[in-house]
Structure formats: C-alpha cells, structure tokens
Protein backbone atom coordinates (compact mmCIF):
# COMPACT_ATOMS: atom_id res chain seq x y z
CA MET A 1 88.17 76.66 95.13
CA THR A 2 89.43 77.73 98.61
CA LEU A 3 89.59 75.76 101.87
CA ASP A 4 88.75 77.59 104.80
CA ARG A 5 91.31 78.00 107.51
CA PRO A 6 90.54 75.58 110.78
CA ASN A 7 91.60 78.46 113.02
CA ALA A 8 93.03 81.95 112.65
CA ASP A 9 96.45 80.76 113.14
CA GLU A 10 96.63 78.71 109.85
CA ILE A 11 97.30 80.05 106.45
CA PRO A 12 94.50 79.57 103.97
CA LEU A 13 94.91 76.88 101.04
CA ILE A 14 93.62 77.47 97.61
CA ASN A 15 93.34 74.77 94.98
CA VAL A 16 94.22 76.15 91.61
CA GLN A 17 93.56 72.91 89.83
CA GLY A 18 92.76 73.59 86.19
CA LEU A 19 94.70 76.92 85.87
CA SER A 20 97.37 75.29 83.68
CA GLU A 21 94.73 73.57 81.31
CA ASP A 22 92.04 76.25 80.86
CA PRO A 23 92.58 79.31 83.05
CA CYS A 24 89.52 81.12 81.66
CA GLN A 25 87.21 78.15 82.94
CA VAL A 26 88.21 78.81 86.62
CA GLU A 27 89.12 82.31 86.27
CA ASP A 28 86.25 83.86 88.21
CA THR A 29 86.07 81.25 90.90
CA LEU A 30 89.91 81.55 91.65
CA ALA A 31 89.62 85.48 91.34
CA GLN A 32 87.16 85.51 94.28
CA ALA A 33 89.36 82.94 96.27
CA PHE A 34 92.28 84.80 95.76
CA ARG A 35 90.62 88.12 96.92
CA GLN A 36 89.18 86.52 99.96
CA THR A 37 92.32 84.93 101.08
CA LEU A 38 95.00 87.71 100.14
CA THR A 39 92.98 90.35 101.71
CA ALA A 40 92.96 88.57 104.92
CA SER A 41 96.56 87.39 105.13
CA GLY A 42 98.69 88.31 101.91
CA PHE A 43 99.79 84.46 102.04
CA ALA A 44 98.32 81.25 100.89
CA TYR A 45 99.47 77.73 100.25
CA LEU A 46 98.51 76.69 96.51
CA THR A 47 97.66 73.17 95.79
CA GLY A 48 96.77 71.64 92.32
CA HIS A 49 99.31 73.97 90.83
CA GLY A 50 100.53 71.57 88.18
CA ILE A 51 104.30 71.64 88.67
CA ASP A 52 105.32 68.00 88.57
CA LYS A 53 106.81 66.62 91.78
CA THR A 54 109.73 65.17 89.80
CA LEU A 55 110.70 68.77 88.88
CA GLU A 56 111.03 69.64 92.57
CA ASP A 57 112.70 66.28 93.35
CA ARG A 58 115.34 66.81 90.83
CA LEU A 59 115.80 70.63 91.92
CA ARG A 60 115.92 69.82 95.69
CA ASP A 61 118.71 66.89 94.73
CA ALA A 62 120.74 69.38 92.55
CA SER A 63 120.62 72.08 95.21
CA ARG A 64 121.92 69.93 97.94
CA ARG A 65 124.84 68.67 95.69
CA PHE A 66 125.67 72.21 95.07
CA PHE A 67 125.75 73.38 98.50
CA ASP A 68 127.55 70.17 99.74
CA GLN A 69 130.66 71.43 97.75
CA PRO A 70 133.63 73.02 99.34
CA ALA A 71 133.32 76.70 100.03
CA GLU A 72 136.09 77.56 97.45
CA ALA A 73 134.09 75.79 94.65
CA LYS A 74 130.96 77.71 95.66
CA GLN A 75 132.80 81.27 96.08
CA HIS A 76 134.23 80.61 92.39
CA LEU A 77 130.56 81.74 91.39
CA ALA A 78 130.48 84.60 93.76
CA ILE A 79 127.55 86.89 93.11
CA ASP A 80 128.28 89.59 90.79
CA ALA A 81 127.15 93.24 90.00
CA THR A 82 123.81 91.87 88.32
CA HIS A 83 122.82 90.00 91.45
CA ARG A 84 123.72 86.46 89.86
CA GLY A 85 125.74 84.01 91.57
CA TYR A 86 126.49 82.63 95.04
CA MET A 87 126.16 84.38 98.30
CA ALA A 88 127.92 82.86 101.40
CA PRO A 89 126.40 82.86 104.98
CA ASN A 90 126.47 86.44 106.75
CA SER A 91 126.73 88.25 103.74
CA SER A 92 123.50 89.98 103.73
CA THR A 93 121.57 92.10 106.41
CA ILE A 94 118.24 93.25 105.64
CA VAL A 95 118.65 97.02 106.96
CA THR A 96 115.89 98.41 104.79
CA SER A 97 113.16 96.48 106.69
CA SER A 98 110.39 98.33 108.00
CA ILE A 99 109.49 95.36 110.26
CA GLU A 100 112.26 95.04 112.53
CA VAL A 101 115.87 96.49 112.83
CA ALA A 102 118.29 93.74 111.65
CA THR A 103 121.42 93.73 113.70
CA LYS A 104 123.05 90.43 112.76
CA PRO A 105 123.34 89.05 109.10
CA ASN A 106 121.24 86.27 107.71
CA GLN A 107 122.25 82.75 108.55
CA SER A 108 121.86 81.24 105.09
CA GLU A 109 123.82 80.63 101.98
CA SER A 110 122.27 80.74 98.31
CA ILE A 111 122.73 81.11 94.66
CA LEU A 112 120.54 83.34 92.67
CA PHE A 113 119.46 83.17 88.95
CA LEU A 114 117.65 86.07 87.28
CA HIS A 115 115.82 86.52 83.95
CA ASP A 116 117.28 85.30 80.87
CA GLU A 117 115.71 88.10 78.58
CA PRO A 118 117.06 91.35 79.07
CA ASN A 119 114.57 94.07 80.23
CA GLY A 120 116.71 97.15 79.84
CA GLY A 121 117.90 97.51 83.57
CA PRO A 122 120.91 97.19 85.67
CA LEU A 123 120.17 93.41 86.64
CA ASP A 124 120.43 92.10 82.99
CA GLY A 125 123.31 89.63 82.49
CA ASP A 126 124.40 86.03 82.40
CA ASN A 127 123.69 83.58 85.02
CA GLN A 128 126.43 81.77 86.74
CA TRP A 129 126.60 77.95 86.65
CA PRO A 130 128.64 75.28 88.28
CA ASP A 131 130.57 73.08 85.98
CA GLU A 132 128.46 70.14 84.61
CA ALA A 133 131.18 67.85 85.81
CA ALA A 134 131.07 69.01 89.36
CA VAL A 135 127.45 69.03 89.84
CA PRO A 136 125.85 66.91 86.99
CA GLY A 137 122.27 67.76 86.02
CA PHE A 138 122.19 71.09 87.98
CA ARG A 139 121.51 73.62 85.18
CA ALA A 140 118.91 71.40 83.63
CA ALA A 141 117.17 70.90 86.95
CA VAL A 142 117.16 74.67 87.63
CA ASP A 143 115.94 75.59 84.07
CA ASP A 144 113.15 73.08 83.90
CA TYR A 145 111.80 74.17 87.32
CA ARG A 146 112.07 77.66 86.47
CA CYS A 147 110.26 77.34 83.18
CA ALA A 148 107.32 75.69 84.92
CA VAL A 149 107.13 78.01 87.64
CA GLU A 150 107.20 81.00 85.24
CA ARG A 151 103.99 79.51 83.43
CA LEU A 152 102.39 79.18 86.89
CA ALA A 153 103.03 82.79 87.80
CA ARG A 154 101.97 84.27 84.52
CA ASN A 155 98.58 82.42 84.87
CA LEU A 156 98.30 83.75 88.29
CA THR A 157 99.06 87.37 87.27
CA ARG A 158 95.94 87.17 85.00
CA ILE A 159 93.78 85.72 87.91
CA LEU A 160 95.14 88.39 90.35
CA ALA A 161 94.10 91.14 87.82
CA VAL A 162 90.55 89.73 87.70
CA SER A 163 90.47 89.64 91.52
CA LEU A 164 91.11 93.08 91.73
CA ASP A 165 88.47 94.00 89.15
CA GLN A 166 90.66 94.75 86.44
CA PRO A 167 90.95 93.33 83.01
CA ARG A 168 92.76 90.06 82.91
CA ASP A 169 95.40 91.59 80.86
CA CYS A 170 96.03 94.52 83.13
CA PHE A 171 99.45 93.65 84.08
CA GLU A 172 100.60 92.28 80.67
CA GLY A 173 102.68 95.48 79.83
CA ALA A 174 104.38 95.51 83.00
CA PHE A 175 105.53 91.78 82.60
CA ALA A 176 106.32 91.83 78.91
CA THR A 177 109.90 91.35 79.96
CA PRO A 178 109.62 90.72 83.77
CA THR A 179 112.33 90.84 86.27
CA THR A 180 112.51 87.19 87.82
CA TRP A 181 114.58 85.83 90.57
CA PHE A 182 114.99 82.26 91.37
CA ARG A 183 117.05 81.60 94.49
CA LEU A 184 118.16 78.12 96.00
CA LEU A 185 118.79 78.76 99.82
CA HIS A 186 120.54 76.43 102.34
CA TYR A 187 119.74 77.19 106.00
CA PRO A 188 122.16 75.45 108.43
CA PRO A 189 120.85 74.86 111.90
CA GLN A 190 121.11 77.96 114.02
CA LYS A 191 121.18 78.79 117.83
CA PRO A 192 118.11 80.05 119.57
CA GLU A 193 119.98 83.38 119.89
CA ALA A 194 118.16 86.85 120.14
CA ASP A 195 117.86 88.68 116.88
CA LEU A 196 119.42 85.86 114.89
CA PHE A 197 117.50 84.56 111.98
CA GLY A 198 118.03 82.62 108.79
CA SER A 199 116.45 85.44 107.23
CA ALA A 200 115.39 88.51 109.23
CA PRO A 201 111.99 89.83 109.19
CA HIS A 202 111.12 91.54 105.93
CA THR A 203 108.59 92.05 103.03
CA ASP A 204 109.47 90.91 99.61
CA TYR A 205 110.08 93.92 96.98
CA GLY A 206 108.22 92.95 94.19
CA PHE A 207 104.87 91.26 92.90
CA ILE A 208 104.53 87.74 94.03
CA THR A 209 106.57 84.92 95.39
CA LEU A 210 106.19 81.18 94.88
CA LEU A 211 108.02 79.06 97.51
CA ALA A 212 108.79 75.39 97.41
CA GLN A 213 109.79 74.47 101.02
CA ASP A 214 111.17 71.34 102.27
CA ALA A 215 109.66 69.49 105.19
CA ILE A 216 111.93 71.00 108.06
CA GLY A 217 109.93 74.20 108.50
CA GLY A 218 111.03 77.67 110.06
CA LEU A 219 109.13 80.16 107.90
CA GLU A 220 106.99 82.37 109.86
CA VAL A 221 104.42 84.98 109.05
CA ARG A 222 103.14 87.99 110.86
CA PRO A 223 99.48 88.55 109.48
CA LYS A 224 98.21 92.16 109.51
CA ASP A 225 96.80 93.51 112.65
CA ARG A 226 98.70 91.08 114.71
CA GLU A 227 102.03 91.24 116.62
CA ASP A 228 102.61 87.58 116.95
CA TRP A 229 104.32 85.12 114.40
CA ILE A 230 102.68 82.12 113.04
CA PRO A 231 104.46 79.26 111.31
CA ALA A 232 104.12 78.38 107.49
CA THR A 233 104.07 74.67 108.55
CA PRO A 234 105.15 72.78 105.18
CA ILE A 235 102.29 71.13 103.56
CA PRO A 236 103.42 68.27 101.03
CA GLY A 237 102.82 69.03 97.30
CA THR A 238 101.83 72.66 97.91
CA LEU A 239 103.63 75.91 97.10
CA VAL A 240 103.54 79.03 99.42
CA LEU A 241 102.50 82.22 97.58
CA ASN A 242 103.04 85.62 99.33
CA VAL A 243 102.21 89.14 98.24
CA GLY A 244 105.13 91.50 97.66
CA ASP A 245 105.45 95.32 97.87
CA MET A 246 104.40 95.96 94.25
CA LEU A 247 101.13 94.04 94.54
CA GLU A 248 100.31 95.72 97.85
CA ARG A 249 100.70 99.12 95.87
CA TRP A 250 98.82 97.93 92.92
CA SER A 251 95.99 96.82 94.97
CA ASN A 252 96.08 100.02 97.08
CA GLY A 253 96.83 98.13 100.21
CA LEU A 254 93.86 95.78 99.70
CA TYR A 255 96.52 92.87 99.38
CA PRO A 256 99.03 93.23 102.17
CA SER A 257 102.73 92.62 101.51
CA THR A 258 102.91 90.41 104.69
CA PRO A 259 106.10 90.41 106.97
CA HIS A 260 107.91 86.94 107.14
CA ARG A 261 110.98 85.65 108.52
CA VAL A 262 112.89 82.28 108.88
CA ARG A 263 114.39 80.62 112.06
CA ASN A 264 115.70 77.29 111.62
CA LEU A 265 115.62 75.88 115.03
CA SER A 266 115.02 72.28 113.92
CA GLY A 267 118.71 71.16 114.56
CA LYS A 268 118.71 69.87 110.60
CA GLU A 269 119.56 71.47 107.50
CA ARG A 270 116.64 73.36 105.79
CA ASP A 271 116.46 74.13 101.87
CA SER A 272 114.01 76.36 100.29
CA ASN A 273 113.58 77.73 96.65
CA PRO A 274 111.55 80.91 96.29
CA TYR A 275 110.90 82.15 92.84
CA PHE A 276 110.08 85.81 92.69
CA PHE A 277 107.92 87.04 89.67
CA ASP A 278 108.19 90.81 89.36
CA PRO A 279 107.58 93.67 86.79
CA GLY A 280 110.12 94.88 84.07
CA MET A 281 112.60 97.38 85.63
CA ALA A 282 110.84 100.28 84.02
CA ALA A 283 107.61 99.75 85.28
CA GLU A 284 105.75 102.48 87.11
CA VAL A 285 103.63 101.19 90.05
CA ALA A 286 100.55 103.04 91.34
CA PRO A 287 97.12 102.01 92.89
CA LEU A 288 94.91 100.63 90.12
CA PRO A 289 91.46 102.42 89.39
CA GLY A 290 88.35 101.62 91.30
CA LEU A 291 90.19 100.53 94.44
CA GLY A 292 89.47 103.90 96.50
CA ALA A 293 91.53 107.06 97.02
CA PRO A 294 95.22 106.16 96.36
CA LYS A 295 97.21 105.31 99.77
CA PHE A 296 100.53 105.00 97.83
CA GLU A 297 102.56 107.33 95.55
CA ALA A 298 103.63 105.96 92.14
CA VAL A 299 107.01 104.29 92.24
CA ASN A 300 109.42 102.87 89.65
CA PHE A 301 110.17 99.45 90.27
CA GLY A 302 113.84 99.48 89.10
CA ARG A 303 114.70 102.45 91.37
CA TYR A 304 112.81 100.82 94.35
CA VAL A 305 114.28 97.47 94.14
CA MET A 306 117.98 98.93 93.38
CA GLU A 307 117.90 101.12 96.46
CA ARG A 308 117.18 98.09 98.60
CA LEU A 309 119.56 95.72 96.85
CA ASP A 310 122.43 98.42 97.39
CA LYS A 311 121.71 98.72 101.15
CA ASN A 312 120.97 95.11 102.00
CA TYR A 313 123.98 93.19 100.49
CA ALA A 314 127.52 93.73 101.55
CA TYR A 315 129.11 92.56 97.96
CA ARG A 316 127.44 95.87 96.69
CA SER A 317 129.11 98.24 99.03
CA GLU A 318 132.40 96.36 98.51
CA ALA A 319 132.46 96.56 94.71
C-alpha cells in the first residue's frame, strides 16, 4: 500500500511489507504504488522493508568507530583504481552534474565497497577492510547489511519491471552480475556558506539507491517541475529509495532521476549509508517498449559511469 502525502512538500511513503516473504502476492499492488509515487517524485520512503533494525544499528556503530580513527589509519585504505576504499574530505567535486555547477569539493568522508562477484568491468577487484583488531566486527556488520539490502533491491527490481508494464524478469539479464556500491558516509558539521555542500546537487548514475540515514537530517530533494528544495526528513524505520539515471532511461523518463543534495547545518555529526544497485557494466540501457517514442538514446552503463567517475574524483586524475 502507499500512504498519500499530507502536502506537496513531503516525499511519499510506500509500505513494502510482504515483499521479502511472498513477492508475487503483493506484486501488482506494489507495482501500482511505485508507478504512482515514482512518476510524481522519483523518491519514496520505504517502510516494512524487512531489514532488521539490529543490522542497521550494528552498521552505524561500526561506521562511527571506523571514522573515529586517526586520519592516517583511514588513509591506509585510500581509494584505489577500482573505486574501493577510503575517500578523505575535499576529494570529490561533482563537475558532471547537470543540476548545478559545483565549485567546491564535497564536505564528507567515506569508505566504499563494491560487488564481490566480477562482472567483467574496470571496477572488478577486492574490497579494502580495516584490521579486525582496529575496528572489531566492522567487516561482519558491513557484509551482513549488504546481503540484506541486496535481497531487497533484487525484489524491488522485479516490482519496478511490473510497474512499467514489463515482464517481472525484464531486468534479470542486466542484473545477472550487478554493479553494486555500498558507501559509509560521514558528514561533519558545515558552515552555512554559499555553494558549500556535504554532497553537491546531483543525480545518481545507476538504477536505484536505497539509503539508510540517521536522525540528523540534511538530505534535500528537488522534485521535477520545481525550483525549490524540500527536506527528506528522517523517518525512523524507513529507507529512502530514489531513481537513478539508468532507471530514468529505461522508463523513458516516466520515473525521473531526481536531483538531491546534502547540507549538514545541524551543528552535529551526520552519518548515512547509501546502497546503489546498478546493472552490470556491459548492460545496454534504452527505453523499454510500450512507453512511447524514445526520449533517450541507448547508452552502455559501463562507459556512462566511468566517464563520470573519471571527472568527479580527484584520485583518478592523480593516478
């Protein structure tokens, strides 16, 4: 079921309870809810998603202990050519954004973990992990959460196919060996300075993003046909789902890849954990049949994403 927005300045909420137990039983109802919601905003809160709160609590505790380490300990895991590892503050500037010209680097630090199963692309490799003695339980907390959120993402992929009037297995080939990114992000408090962001305005490159955010807030969304930004106010027990550029293309623009940004003006530390579920690097993405005259040309996901990584991250130009 979907819960209507009390007003136009709130992101819709979808209850996906039952998806993890019997997806076929709730498929049609959820497909309708997603079509209604994503057409309007490209964003939704998900409740009833089936990811146990203890997994998120363990993850958040492990994340904070990692970021509390001295800079030199974190830098020992510096991000590598496969986009895995630690990124220090001021090391990424989103110059490829079509939303706004970024003039200052993002005010955040993060550590990235990608897919374990190779998919034949330049981002295949081994994830980098802190020593167990330095951050006990870190790898187990990250892997347990990644496993749970990937199950959810795969179920959602089938629902999204049905929502676009396609067979439920429409995306199976493109996601046989997906490109997945799991990012632990830490945003220190920032100054209310012009053009300074924790994450500058952008859209996501891929298919869908599933975000677990803490209670601090700071994520803001600009729905289509609007010029103002609305807050994605944290709601306990929910995940935030947003459409990425590839789903926008597959849906022929029906589901917009909605601009969003982060400004941590709370005066407190902020943590968030986005999981990006994207097609394999070889996937060719073009508007699906039955959705009108094509508004987008076909693109290869691997080339699309590598062009953006190469331009947006300082470490790639320094290599």
